[in-house]
C-alpha atoms as a PDB file:
ATOM      1  CA  MET A   1      45.233 -26.669   6.353  1.00  0.00           C
ATOM      2  CA  GLY A   2      43.440 -24.721   3.576  1.00  0.00           C
ATOM      3  CA  CYS A   3      42.754 -26.014   0.115  1.00  0.00           C
ATOM      4  CA  ALA A   4      40.689 -25.222  -2.976  1.00  0.00           C
ATOM      5  CA  LEU A   5      37.518 -27.119  -3.872  1.00  0.00           C
ATOM      6  CA  SER A   6      36.381 -27.121  -7.500  1.00  0.00           C
ATOM      7  CA  LEU A   7      33.209 -28.414  -8.975  1.00  0.00           C
ATOM      8  CA  VAL A   8      33.589 -29.766 -12.480  1.00  0.00           C
ATOM      9  CA  SER A   9      30.753 -30.769 -14.870  1.00  0.00           C
ATOM     10  CA  ASN A  10      30.694 -30.985 -18.591  1.00  0.00           C
ATOM     11  CA  ASP A  11      26.900 -31.135 -18.388  1.00  0.00           C
ATOM     12  CA  LEU A  12      26.090 -28.020 -16.377  1.00  0.00           C
ATOM     13  CA  HIS A  13      25.883 -24.492 -17.708  1.00  0.00           C
ATOM     14  CA  PRO A  14      28.507 -22.195 -16.023  1.00  0.00           C
ATOM     15  CA  GLU A  15      25.724 -20.242 -14.324  1.00  0.00           C
ATOM     16  CA  ASP A  16      24.277 -23.435 -12.873  1.00  0.00           C
ATOM     17  CA  LEU A  17      27.672 -24.519 -11.772  1.00  0.00           C
ATOM     18  CA  HIS A  18      28.197 -21.207 -10.083  1.00  0.00           C
ATOM     19  CA  ASP A  19      24.874 -21.362  -8.282  1.00  0.00           C
ATOM     20  CA  LEU A  20      25.631 -24.889  -7.203  1.00  0.00           C
ATOM     21  CA  SER A  21      29.025 -23.786  -5.752  1.00  0.00           C
ATOM     22  CA  LEU A  22      27.346 -20.974  -3.765  1.00  0.00           C
ATOM     23  CA  ASP A  23      24.709 -23.456  -2.410  1.00  0.00           C
ATOM     24  CA  LEU A  24      27.605 -25.768  -1.515  1.00  0.00           C
ATOM     25  CA  ARG A  25      29.366 -22.913   0.322  1.00  0.00           C
ATOM     26  CA  ASP A  26      26.242 -22.296   2.418  1.00  0.00           C
ATOM     27  CA  ASP A  27      25.832 -26.073   3.209  1.00  0.00           C
ATOM     28  CA  LEU A  28      29.549 -26.399   4.079  1.00  0.00           C
ATOM     29  CA  ALA A  29      29.207 -23.369   6.430  1.00  0.00           C
ATOM     30  CA  ALA A  30      26.217 -25.034   8.133  1.00  0.00           C
ATOM     31  CA  ALA A  31      28.406 -28.238   8.617  1.00  0.00           C
ATOM     32  CA  GLY A  32      31.263 -26.160  10.091  1.00  0.00           C
ATOM     33  CA  VAL A  33      33.518 -25.964   7.090  1.00  0.00           C
ATOM     34  CA  GLU A  34      34.509 -22.348   6.154  1.00  0.00           C
ATOM     35  CA  ALA A  35      34.449 -21.829   2.304  1.00  0.00           C
ATOM     36  CA  GLU A  36      34.398 -18.723   0.191  1.00  0.00           C
ATOM     37  CA  PRO A  37      34.330 -18.219  -3.611  1.00  0.00           C
ATOM     38  CA  VAL A  38      37.696 -17.922  -5.221  1.00  0.00           C
ATOM     39  CA  GLU A  39      38.180 -14.441  -6.629  1.00  0.00           C
ATOM     40  CA  GLU A  40      40.910 -13.385  -9.007  1.00  0.00           C
ATOM     41  CA  LYS A  41      42.007  -9.841  -9.770  1.00  0.00           C
ATOM     42  CA  ALA A  42      40.559  -8.819 -13.193  1.00  0.00           C
ATOM     43  CA  PRO A  43      43.229  -8.359 -15.871  1.00  0.00           C
ATOM     44  CA  GLY A  44      43.834  -4.979 -17.459  1.00  0.00           C
ATOM     45  CA  ALA A  45      41.101  -2.470 -17.613  1.00  0.00           C
ATOM     46  CA  THR A  46      38.360  -4.838 -16.536  1.00  0.00           C
ATOM     47  CA  ARG A  47      36.677  -3.586 -13.369  1.00  0.00           C
ATOM     48  CA  GLY A  48      36.164  -5.665 -10.236  1.00  0.00           C
ATOM     49  CA  ASP A  49      37.103  -9.163  -9.316  1.00  0.00           C
ATOM     50  CA  LEU A  50      36.384 -12.251 -11.315  1.00  0.00           C
ATOM     51  CA  MET A  51      34.764 -15.240  -9.756  1.00  0.00           C
ATOM     52  CA  THR A  52      36.331 -18.498 -10.576  1.00  0.00           C
ATOM     53  CA  ILE A  53      33.281 -20.508 -11.510  1.00  0.00           C
ATOM     54  CA  GLY A  54      32.656 -23.551  -9.344  1.00  0.00           C
ATOM     55  CA  SER A  55      35.646 -22.909  -7.082  1.00  0.00           C
ATOM     56  CA  LEU A  56      35.733 -22.435  -3.358  1.00  0.00           C
ATOM     57  CA  ALA A  57      38.599 -21.679  -1.020  1.00  0.00           C
ATOM     58  CA  LEU A  58      38.341 -23.832   2.080  1.00  0.00           C
ATOM     59  CA  THR A  59      39.989 -22.056   4.906  1.00  0.00           C
ATOM     60  CA  LEU A  60      40.783 -24.943   7.346  1.00  0.00           C
ATOM     61  CA  VAL A  61      40.126 -28.614   6.756  1.00  0.00           C
ATOM     62  CA  THR A  62      40.971 -31.090   9.559  1.00  0.00           C
ATOM     63  CA  SER A  63      40.008 -34.714  10.179  1.00  0.00           C
ATOM     64  CA  GLY A  64      36.684 -33.606  11.649  1.00  0.00           C
ATOM     65  CA  THR A  65      35.894 -31.298   8.843  1.00  0.00           C
ATOM     66  CA  ALA A  66      36.944 -33.729   6.130  1.00  0.00           C
ATOM     67  CA  ALA A  67      34.070 -36.020   7.153  1.00  0.00           C
ATOM     68  CA  ALA A  68      31.684 -33.136   7.166  1.00  0.00           C
ATOM     69  CA  LEU A  69      32.914 -32.025   3.777  1.00  0.00           C
ATOM     70  CA  LEU A  70      32.490 -35.434   2.202  1.00  0.00           C
ATOM     71  CA  ASN A  71      28.998 -35.792   3.690  1.00  0.00           C
ATOM     72  CA  VAL A  72      27.912 -32.492   2.262  1.00  0.00           C
ATOM     73  CA  VAL A  73      29.469 -33.344  -1.123  1.00  0.00           C
ATOM     74  CA  ARG A  74      27.711 -36.769  -1.062  1.00  0.00           C
ATOM     75  CA  ALA A  75      24.352 -34.849  -0.845  1.00  0.00           C
ATOM     76  CA  TYR A  76      25.388 -32.849  -3.884  1.00  0.00           C
ATOM     77  CA  PHE A  77      26.250 -35.935  -5.847  1.00  0.00           C
ATOM     78  CA  ASP A  78      22.783 -37.387  -5.041  1.00  0.00           C
ATOM     79  CA  ARG A  79      21.116 -34.083  -6.072  1.00  0.00           C
ATOM     80  CA  SER A  80      22.928 -33.750  -9.367  1.00  0.00           C
ATOM     81  CA  ALA A  81      22.598 -37.270 -10.553  1.00  0.00           C
ATOM     82  CA  SER A  82      21.259 -36.124 -13.925  1.00  0.00           C
ATOM     83  CA  ALA A  83      24.232 -33.887 -14.483  1.00  0.00           C
ATOM     84  CA  PRO A  84      27.277 -35.481 -13.018  1.00  0.00           C
ATOM     85  CA  VAL A  85      29.569 -33.362 -10.912  1.00  0.00           C
ATOM     86  CA  VAL A  86      33.152 -34.165  -9.943  1.00  0.00           C
ATOM     87  CA  VAL A  87      34.853 -32.479  -6.927  1.00  0.00           C
ATOM     88  CA  GLU A  88      38.525 -31.747  -7.091  1.00  0.00           C
ATOM     89  CA  LEU A  89      40.420 -30.748  -3.890  1.00  0.00           C
ATOM     90  CA  THR A  90      43.726 -29.055  -4.535  1.00  0.00           C
ATOM     91  CA  ARG A  91      46.410 -28.400  -1.832  1.00  0.00           C
ATOM     92  CA  PRO A  92      48.605 -25.301  -1.884  1.00  0.00           C
ATOM     93  CA  ASP A  93      51.451 -27.463  -3.171  1.00  0.00           C
ATOM     94  CA  GLY A  94      49.327 -28.252  -6.285  1.00  0.00           C
ATOM     95  CA  ALA A  95      48.483 -31.930  -5.413  1.00  0.00           C
ATOM     96  CA  LYS A  96      44.846 -32.899  -6.290  1.00  0.00           C
ATOM     97  CA  LEU A  97      42.368 -35.392  -4.996  1.00  0.00           C
ATOM     98  CA  THR A  98      39.336 -36.068  -7.292  1.00  0.00           C
ATOM     99  CA  VAL A  99      36.168 -37.310  -5.716  1.00  0.00           C
ATOM    100  CA  GLN A 100      33.353 -38.784  -7.851  1.00  0.00           C
ATOM    101  CA  ALA A 101      29.933 -39.955  -6.822  1.00  0.00           C
ATOM    102  CA  GLY A 102      30.790 -43.684  -6.710  1.00  0.00           C
ATOM    103  CA  SER A 103      33.543 -43.030  -4.208  1.00  0.00           C
ATOM    104  CA  LEU A 104      31.062 -41.832  -1.604  1.00  0.00           C
ATOM    105  CA  ARG A 105      28.650 -44.727  -1.775  1.00  0.00           C
ATOM    106  CA  GLY A 106      28.574 -47.671   0.641  1.00  0.00           C
ATOM    107  CA  ALA A 107      31.851 -49.042   1.755  1.00  0.00           C
ATOM    108  CA  GLU A 108      33.778 -46.715  -0.572  1.00  0.00           C
ATOM    109  CA  PHE A 109      32.899 -43.795   1.685  1.00  0.00           C
ATOM    110  CA  GLU A 110      35.204 -44.946   4.449  1.00  0.00           C
ATOM    111  CA  ARG A 111      38.105 -45.537   1.959  1.00  0.00           C
ATOM    112  CA  THR A 112      37.547 -42.080   0.439  1.00  0.00           C
ATOM    113  CA  LEU A 113      37.372 -40.487   3.897  1.00  0.00           C
ATOM    114  CA  SER A 114      40.743 -42.153   4.795  1.00  0.00           C
ATOM    115  CA  LEU A 115      42.273 -40.910   1.534  1.00  0.00           C
ATOM    116  CA  ALA A 116      40.939 -37.367   2.100  1.00  0.00           C
ATOM    117  CA  ASN A 117      42.422 -37.375   5.627  1.00  0.00           C
ATOM    118  CA  GLN A 118      45.774 -38.443   4.282  1.00  0.00           C
ATOM    119  CA  PHE A 119      45.520 -35.944   1.396  1.00  0.00           C
ATOM    120  CA  LEU A 120      44.794 -33.133   3.857  1.00  0.00           C
ATOM    121  CA  GLY A 121      47.454 -34.203   6.301  1.00  0.00           C
ATOM    122  CA  ALA A 122      45.000 -34.953   8.994  1.00  0.00           C
ATOM    123  CA  PRO A 123      45.240 -38.145  11.134  1.00  0.00           C
ATOM    124  CA  ALA A 124      42.539 -40.734  10.499  1.00  0.00           C
ATOM    125  CA  PRO A 125      39.682 -40.275  13.063  1.00  0.00           C
END
């Protein structure tokens, strides 16, 4: 199942959030999760495609890739502790799952992984 991943932060400048999302895309690819920046057609006379800042389209997320996804996101939470980032996963039907730093620490990680698997329609590993 594909879904959208959005990085949200009130503390990061849009350019920094964009750079963080591109770094995240590369790290997700290294972990076996295909992700590409979300592009929208530019309105009216504007040329080119617009990048949706901080958003990635995840091609296929399964129970195996959900764990890889959350492990990569956990590293980003650790890295951006001074400027908190929230990750929102959005399914094609519009349902959302919000993941915050605390939900990936200690015993909460397994609970969040179970919720992510249910959200993505993947059986628990």
